[in-house]
N, C-alpha and C. Protein backbone atom coordinates (compact mmCIF):
# COMPACT_ATOMS: atom_id res chain seq x y z
N MET A 1 -15.92 -5.13 4.04
CA MET A 1 -14.66 -5.04 3.32
C MET A 1 -13.59 -5.85 4.06
N SER A 2 -12.74 -6.46 3.29
CA SER A 2 -11.67 -7.28 3.85
C SER A 2 -10.34 -6.58 3.66
N ARG A 3 -9.50 -6.67 4.68
CA ARG A 3 -8.17 -6.06 4.62
C ARG A 3 -7.11 -7.14 4.81
N TYR A 4 -6.08 -7.08 3.96
CA TYR A 4 -4.99 -8.04 3.99
C TYR A 4 -3.66 -7.28 4.07
N PHE A 5 -2.61 -7.99 4.52
CA PHE A 5 -1.31 -7.36 4.73
C PHE A 5 -0.20 -8.20 4.12
N THR A 6 0.91 -7.54 3.74
CA THR A 6 2.08 -8.24 3.21
C THR A 6 3.21 -8.15 4.22
N GLU A 7 4.24 -8.99 4.02
CA GLU A 7 5.42 -8.93 4.87
C GLU A 7 6.25 -7.68 4.60
N ASP A 8 5.97 -6.99 3.49
CA ASP A 8 6.64 -5.73 3.17
C ASP A 8 5.88 -4.53 3.74
N HIS A 9 4.86 -4.80 4.53
CA HIS A 9 4.09 -3.76 5.25
C HIS A 9 3.19 -2.92 4.35
N GLU A 10 2.68 -3.54 3.28
CA GLU A 10 1.59 -2.92 2.53
C GLU A 10 0.28 -3.53 3.02
N TRP A 11 -0.79 -2.76 2.87
CA TRP A 11 -2.12 -3.29 3.13
C TRP A 11 -2.95 -3.14 1.87
N ILE A 12 -3.92 -4.01 1.72
CA ILE A 12 -4.89 -3.89 0.63
C ILE A 12 -6.26 -4.16 1.22
N GLU A 13 -7.20 -3.27 0.91
CA GLU A 13 -8.56 -3.43 1.39
C GLU A 13 -9.47 -3.61 0.19
N LEU A 14 -10.23 -4.68 0.20
CA LEU A 14 -11.10 -5.02 -0.92
C LEU A 14 -12.49 -4.43 -0.76
N ASP A 15 -12.98 -3.87 -1.86
CA ASP A 15 -14.37 -3.44 -1.96
C ASP A 15 -14.84 -3.96 -3.30
N GLY A 16 -15.43 -5.15 -3.30
CA GLY A 16 -15.78 -5.81 -4.56
C GLY A 16 -14.51 -6.26 -5.26
N GLU A 17 -14.36 -5.84 -6.53
CA GLU A 17 -13.17 -6.22 -7.32
C GLU A 17 -12.05 -5.17 -7.22
N ILE A 18 -12.31 -4.08 -6.48
CA ILE A 18 -11.34 -2.99 -6.37
C ILE A 18 -10.59 -3.11 -5.04
N GLY A 19 -9.26 -3.03 -5.13
CA GLY A 19 -8.44 -3.05 -3.93
C GLY A 19 -7.75 -1.71 -3.74
N THR A 20 -7.83 -1.16 -2.54
CA THR A 20 -7.13 0.06 -2.19
C THR A 20 -5.85 -0.34 -1.45
N VAL A 21 -4.71 0.24 -1.86
CA VAL A 21 -3.41 -0.17 -1.34
C VAL A 21 -2.71 1.01 -0.65
N GLY A 22 -2.05 0.71 0.46
CA GLY A 22 -1.25 1.72 1.15
C GLY A 22 -0.19 1.02 2.00
N ILE A 23 0.50 1.81 2.82
CA ILE A 23 1.47 1.22 3.74
C ILE A 23 0.90 1.23 5.15
N THR A 24 1.39 0.34 5.97
CA THR A 24 0.86 0.19 7.32
C THR A 24 1.39 1.25 8.27
N GLU A 25 0.74 1.33 9.40
CA GLU A 25 1.19 2.22 10.48
C GLU A 25 2.64 1.91 10.86
N TYR A 26 2.98 0.61 10.91
CA TYR A 26 4.34 0.20 11.24
C TYR A 26 5.33 0.75 10.21
N ALA A 27 5.03 0.58 8.93
CA ALA A 27 5.94 1.05 7.87
C ALA A 27 6.13 2.56 7.97
N GLN A 28 5.04 3.27 8.16
CA GLN A 28 5.10 4.73 8.28
C GLN A 28 5.95 5.14 9.46
N SER A 29 5.83 4.42 10.58
CA SER A 29 6.60 4.78 11.77
C SER A 29 8.10 4.53 11.56
N GLN A 30 8.44 3.52 10.76
CA GLN A 30 9.84 3.22 10.46
C GLN A 30 10.45 4.26 9.52
N LEU A 31 9.63 4.78 8.61
CA LEU A 31 10.12 5.76 7.63
C LEU A 31 10.32 7.14 8.25
N GLY A 32 9.47 7.53 9.18
CA GLY A 32 9.54 8.88 9.73
C GLY A 32 8.74 9.84 8.86
N ASP A 33 9.13 11.12 8.88
CA ASP A 33 8.37 12.15 8.17
C ASP A 33 8.45 11.94 6.66
N ILE A 34 7.28 11.70 6.05
CA ILE A 34 7.19 11.48 4.60
C ILE A 34 7.25 12.85 3.90
N VAL A 35 8.15 12.96 2.91
CA VAL A 35 8.32 14.24 2.20
C VAL A 35 7.93 14.15 0.73
N PHE A 36 7.79 12.93 0.18
CA PHE A 36 7.45 12.77 -1.23
C PHE A 36 6.84 11.40 -1.46
N VAL A 37 5.79 11.37 -2.30
CA VAL A 37 5.18 10.10 -2.68
C VAL A 37 4.92 10.13 -4.19
N GLU A 38 5.31 9.06 -4.86
CA GLU A 38 5.00 8.90 -6.29
C GLU A 38 4.09 7.70 -6.43
N VAL A 39 2.90 7.92 -6.97
CA VAL A 39 1.93 6.83 -7.13
C VAL A 39 1.88 6.40 -8.60
N PRO A 40 1.43 5.18 -8.88
CA PRO A 40 1.37 4.71 -10.27
C PRO A 40 0.28 5.41 -11.06
N GLU A 41 0.48 5.44 -12.39
CA GLU A 41 -0.50 6.07 -13.28
C GLU A 41 -1.70 5.17 -13.48
N GLU A 42 -2.85 5.80 -13.71
CA GLU A 42 -4.06 5.06 -14.04
C GLU A 42 -3.81 4.24 -15.31
N GLY A 43 -4.26 3.00 -15.30
CA GLY A 43 -4.09 2.13 -16.46
C GLY A 43 -2.86 1.26 -16.41
N LYS A 44 -1.95 1.52 -15.47
CA LYS A 44 -0.73 0.72 -15.36
C LYS A 44 -1.09 -0.69 -14.88
N THR A 45 -0.54 -1.70 -15.54
CA THR A 45 -0.75 -3.08 -15.14
C THR A 45 0.39 -3.51 -14.23
N LEU A 46 0.03 -4.07 -13.09
CA LEU A 46 1.02 -4.50 -12.11
C LEU A 46 0.88 -6.00 -11.85
N ALA A 47 2.01 -6.67 -11.72
CA ALA A 47 2.02 -8.06 -11.26
C ALA A 47 2.31 -8.06 -9.77
N LYS A 48 1.85 -9.08 -9.07
CA LYS A 48 2.11 -9.19 -7.64
C LYS A 48 3.61 -9.08 -7.40
N GLY A 49 4.00 -8.18 -6.49
CA GLY A 49 5.41 -7.99 -6.16
C GLY A 49 6.11 -6.91 -6.97
N ASP A 50 5.44 -6.37 -8.00
CA ASP A 50 6.04 -5.28 -8.79
C ASP A 50 6.19 -4.02 -7.94
N GLU A 51 7.22 -3.22 -8.27
CA GLU A 51 7.33 -1.90 -7.66
C GLU A 51 6.18 -1.06 -8.20
N ALA A 52 5.36 -0.54 -7.31
CA ALA A 52 4.16 0.17 -7.74
C ALA A 52 4.23 1.67 -7.43
N ALA A 53 4.88 2.02 -6.33
CA ALA A 53 4.93 3.41 -5.90
C ALA A 53 6.26 3.63 -5.17
N VAL A 54 6.57 4.91 -4.95
CA VAL A 54 7.78 5.27 -4.22
C VAL A 54 7.38 6.22 -3.09
N VAL A 55 7.97 6.00 -1.93
CA VAL A 55 7.73 6.89 -0.80
C VAL A 55 9.09 7.31 -0.27
N GLU A 56 9.26 8.62 -0.06
CA GLU A 56 10.51 9.14 0.46
C GLU A 56 10.24 9.87 1.77
N SER A 57 11.14 9.63 2.70
CA SER A 57 11.05 10.31 3.99
C SER A 57 12.37 11.03 4.25
N VAL A 58 12.44 11.71 5.38
CA VAL A 58 13.69 12.36 5.74
C VAL A 58 14.77 11.32 6.02
N LYS A 59 14.38 10.07 6.32
CA LYS A 59 15.33 8.99 6.61
C LYS A 59 15.75 8.21 5.37
N ALA A 60 14.78 7.88 4.49
CA ALA A 60 15.08 6.95 3.40
C ALA A 60 14.02 7.01 2.31
N ALA A 61 14.36 6.43 1.16
CA ALA A 61 13.38 6.22 0.10
C ALA A 61 13.06 4.73 0.08
N SER A 62 11.82 4.41 -0.21
CA SER A 62 11.40 3.01 -0.19
C SER A 62 10.39 2.76 -1.30
N ASP A 63 10.45 1.56 -1.86
CA ASP A 63 9.45 1.18 -2.85
C ASP A 63 8.23 0.61 -2.14
N VAL A 64 7.09 0.79 -2.78
CA VAL A 64 5.86 0.16 -2.33
C VAL A 64 5.50 -0.85 -3.41
N TYR A 65 5.29 -2.08 -3.00
CA TYR A 65 5.05 -3.17 -3.96
C TYR A 65 3.57 -3.49 -4.08
N ALA A 66 3.20 -4.00 -5.25
CA ALA A 66 1.82 -4.43 -5.48
C ALA A 66 1.57 -5.72 -4.71
N PRO A 67 0.62 -5.71 -3.77
CA PRO A 67 0.35 -6.93 -3.00
C PRO A 67 -0.32 -8.02 -3.83
N VAL A 68 -0.97 -7.62 -4.92
CA VAL A 68 -1.63 -8.54 -5.84
C VAL A 68 -1.50 -7.98 -7.25
N SER A 69 -1.81 -8.81 -8.24
CA SER A 69 -1.79 -8.36 -9.63
C SER A 69 -3.08 -7.62 -9.97
N GLY A 70 -2.96 -6.65 -10.88
CA GLY A 70 -4.15 -5.93 -11.31
C GLY A 70 -3.80 -4.71 -12.13
N THR A 71 -4.82 -3.93 -12.44
CA THR A 71 -4.67 -2.71 -13.22
C THR A 71 -5.06 -1.51 -12.37
N VAL A 72 -4.18 -0.52 -12.33
CA VAL A 72 -4.42 0.67 -11.53
C VAL A 72 -5.60 1.45 -12.10
N VAL A 73 -6.57 1.76 -11.24
CA VAL A 73 -7.71 2.56 -11.65
C VAL A 73 -7.64 3.98 -11.11
N GLU A 74 -6.80 4.18 -10.07
CA GLU A 74 -6.67 5.53 -9.50
C GLU A 74 -5.43 5.60 -8.61
N GLY A 75 -4.69 6.69 -8.74
CA GLY A 75 -3.62 7.00 -7.80
C GLY A 75 -4.13 8.10 -6.88
N ASN A 76 -3.66 8.15 -5.66
CA ASN A 76 -4.11 9.16 -4.71
C ASN A 76 -3.42 10.49 -5.02
N ALA A 77 -4.09 11.33 -5.81
CA ALA A 77 -3.53 12.61 -6.25
C ALA A 77 -3.23 13.54 -5.08
N SER A 78 -3.93 13.39 -3.97
CA SER A 78 -3.71 14.25 -2.81
C SER A 78 -2.29 14.14 -2.26
N LEU A 79 -1.65 12.99 -2.48
CA LEU A 79 -0.31 12.78 -1.91
C LEU A 79 0.76 13.62 -2.58
N ALA A 80 0.51 14.08 -3.81
CA ALA A 80 1.49 14.92 -4.50
C ALA A 80 1.71 16.23 -3.73
N ASP A 81 0.62 16.83 -3.27
CA ASP A 81 0.70 18.09 -2.53
C ASP A 81 0.78 17.89 -1.02
N GLN A 82 0.31 16.73 -0.55
CA GLN A 82 0.26 16.49 0.89
C GLN A 82 0.83 15.11 1.24
N PRO A 83 2.13 14.89 1.01
CA PRO A 83 2.69 13.57 1.34
C PRO A 83 2.57 13.23 2.82
N ALA A 84 2.43 14.24 3.66
CA ALA A 84 2.31 14.00 5.11
C ALA A 84 1.02 13.26 5.47
N LEU A 85 0.06 13.17 4.54
CA LEU A 85 -1.15 12.38 4.79
C LEU A 85 -0.78 10.94 5.14
N VAL A 86 0.33 10.47 4.58
CA VAL A 86 0.77 9.10 4.88
C VAL A 86 1.16 8.99 6.35
N ASN A 87 1.78 10.05 6.92
CA ASN A 87 2.12 10.04 8.35
C ASN A 87 0.87 10.16 9.21
N GLU A 88 -0.04 11.02 8.77
CA GLU A 88 -1.22 11.32 9.58
C GLU A 88 -2.23 10.18 9.60
N ASP A 89 -2.40 9.51 8.45
CA ASP A 89 -3.45 8.49 8.33
C ASP A 89 -3.04 7.43 7.31
N PRO A 90 -1.97 6.64 7.62
CA PRO A 90 -1.44 5.71 6.63
C PRO A 90 -2.42 4.62 6.20
N GLU A 91 -3.35 4.27 7.07
CA GLU A 91 -4.28 3.20 6.73
C GLU A 91 -5.67 3.76 6.42
N GLY A 92 -5.70 5.05 6.02
CA GLY A 92 -6.96 5.70 5.65
C GLY A 92 -6.72 6.65 4.49
N GLU A 93 -6.77 7.97 4.77
CA GLU A 93 -6.62 9.00 3.73
C GLU A 93 -5.25 8.97 3.04
N GLY A 94 -4.27 8.32 3.65
CA GLY A 94 -2.93 8.24 3.07
C GLY A 94 -2.72 7.04 2.15
N TRP A 95 -3.81 6.48 1.62
CA TRP A 95 -3.70 5.36 0.68
C TRP A 95 -2.93 5.79 -0.56
N PHE A 96 -2.35 4.83 -1.30
CA PHE A 96 -1.50 5.14 -2.45
C PHE A 96 -2.21 4.98 -3.78
N PHE A 97 -2.85 3.82 -3.98
CA PHE A 97 -3.52 3.59 -5.27
C PHE A 97 -4.62 2.55 -5.13
N LYS A 98 -5.49 2.53 -6.14
CA LYS A 98 -6.56 1.53 -6.22
C LYS A 98 -6.36 0.74 -7.50
N LEU A 99 -6.64 -0.57 -7.43
CA LEU A 99 -6.51 -1.38 -8.62
C LEU A 99 -7.62 -2.40 -8.70
N THR A 100 -7.90 -2.81 -9.94
CA THR A 100 -8.82 -3.90 -10.20
C THR A 100 -8.02 -5.19 -10.16
N LEU A 101 -8.40 -6.11 -9.30
CA LEU A 101 -7.67 -7.36 -9.15
C LEU A 101 -7.85 -8.25 -10.37
N SER A 102 -6.74 -8.84 -10.83
CA SER A 102 -6.83 -9.76 -11.96
C SER A 102 -6.87 -11.21 -11.50
N ASP A 103 -6.46 -11.48 -10.25
CA ASP A 103 -6.45 -12.85 -9.74
C ASP A 103 -6.69 -12.82 -8.23
N THR A 104 -7.95 -12.99 -7.82
CA THR A 104 -8.28 -12.87 -6.40
C THR A 104 -7.65 -13.99 -5.57
N SER A 105 -7.22 -15.09 -6.20
CA SER A 105 -6.59 -16.17 -5.42
C SER A 105 -5.26 -15.72 -4.82
N GLU A 106 -4.66 -14.65 -5.35
CA GLU A 106 -3.40 -14.14 -4.79
C GLU A 106 -3.58 -13.62 -3.36
N LEU A 107 -4.80 -13.29 -2.99
CA LEU A 107 -5.08 -12.82 -1.63
C LEU A 107 -4.81 -13.92 -0.61
N ASP A 108 -4.87 -15.17 -1.03
CA ASP A 108 -4.67 -16.30 -0.12
C ASP A 108 -3.26 -16.29 0.49
N GLY A 109 -2.30 -15.67 -0.20
CA GLY A 109 -0.94 -15.63 0.30
C GLY A 109 -0.66 -14.48 1.25
N LEU A 110 -1.67 -13.66 1.52
CA LEU A 110 -1.49 -12.49 2.39
C LEU A 110 -1.99 -12.79 3.80
N MET A 111 -1.61 -11.93 4.73
CA MET A 111 -2.00 -12.10 6.13
C MET A 111 -3.26 -11.31 6.45
N ASP A 112 -4.05 -11.83 7.40
CA ASP A 112 -5.15 -11.02 7.93
C ASP A 112 -4.56 -10.14 9.03
N GLU A 113 -5.40 -9.31 9.64
CA GLU A 113 -4.88 -8.35 10.61
C GLU A 113 -4.23 -9.02 11.82
N ALA A 114 -4.82 -10.09 12.31
CA ALA A 114 -4.26 -10.78 13.48
C ALA A 114 -2.89 -11.38 13.15
N ALA A 115 -2.77 -11.98 11.98
CA ALA A 115 -1.49 -12.57 11.57
C ALA A 115 -0.44 -11.48 11.36
N TYR A 116 -0.86 -10.35 10.78
CA TYR A 116 0.08 -9.25 10.58
C TYR A 116 0.55 -8.67 11.92
N ASP A 117 -0.37 -8.48 12.85
CA ASP A 117 0.01 -7.97 14.17
C ASP A 117 1.02 -8.90 14.84
N ALA A 118 0.83 -10.20 14.71
CA ALA A 118 1.76 -11.18 15.28
C ALA A 118 3.11 -11.09 14.58
N PHE A 119 3.08 -10.90 13.26
CA PHE A 119 4.31 -10.76 12.47
C PHE A 119 5.11 -9.54 12.93
N VAL A 120 4.44 -8.39 13.08
CA VAL A 120 5.11 -7.16 13.50
C VAL A 120 5.65 -7.28 14.92
N ALA A 121 4.92 -7.98 15.77
CA ALA A 121 5.35 -8.14 17.16
C ALA A 121 6.69 -8.86 17.27
N LYS A 122 7.05 -9.65 16.26
CA LYS A 122 8.31 -10.40 16.27
C LYS A 122 9.47 -9.60 15.69
N LEU A 123 9.19 -8.43 15.12
CA LEU A 123 10.25 -7.64 14.49
C LEU A 123 11.07 -6.87 15.51
């Protein structure tokens, strides 16, 4: 599986044509304690850069953007009752949604893990 990152601190991990999307450890650490997450509905079509989800913490509310275009196949229902999963495991069980990619060439504009780590180091 391949994992890519955006400058807005989202990650997407590919498994075939399905991408799982969430926020990075860095984004989670900046937000603080997550108290609410709203994920997109199944069947929603997203274009790259669209607002896809909302995450609220004790500090701030923030949008989560679609790193690539596609159609949502699943939202992480666990986050409705357990938004703290994003704090506990942002790059694992705290994922936000899964989508079927409509244009895999959009991945070319994203960073790999080494490039993302270098990007965060400059912040």
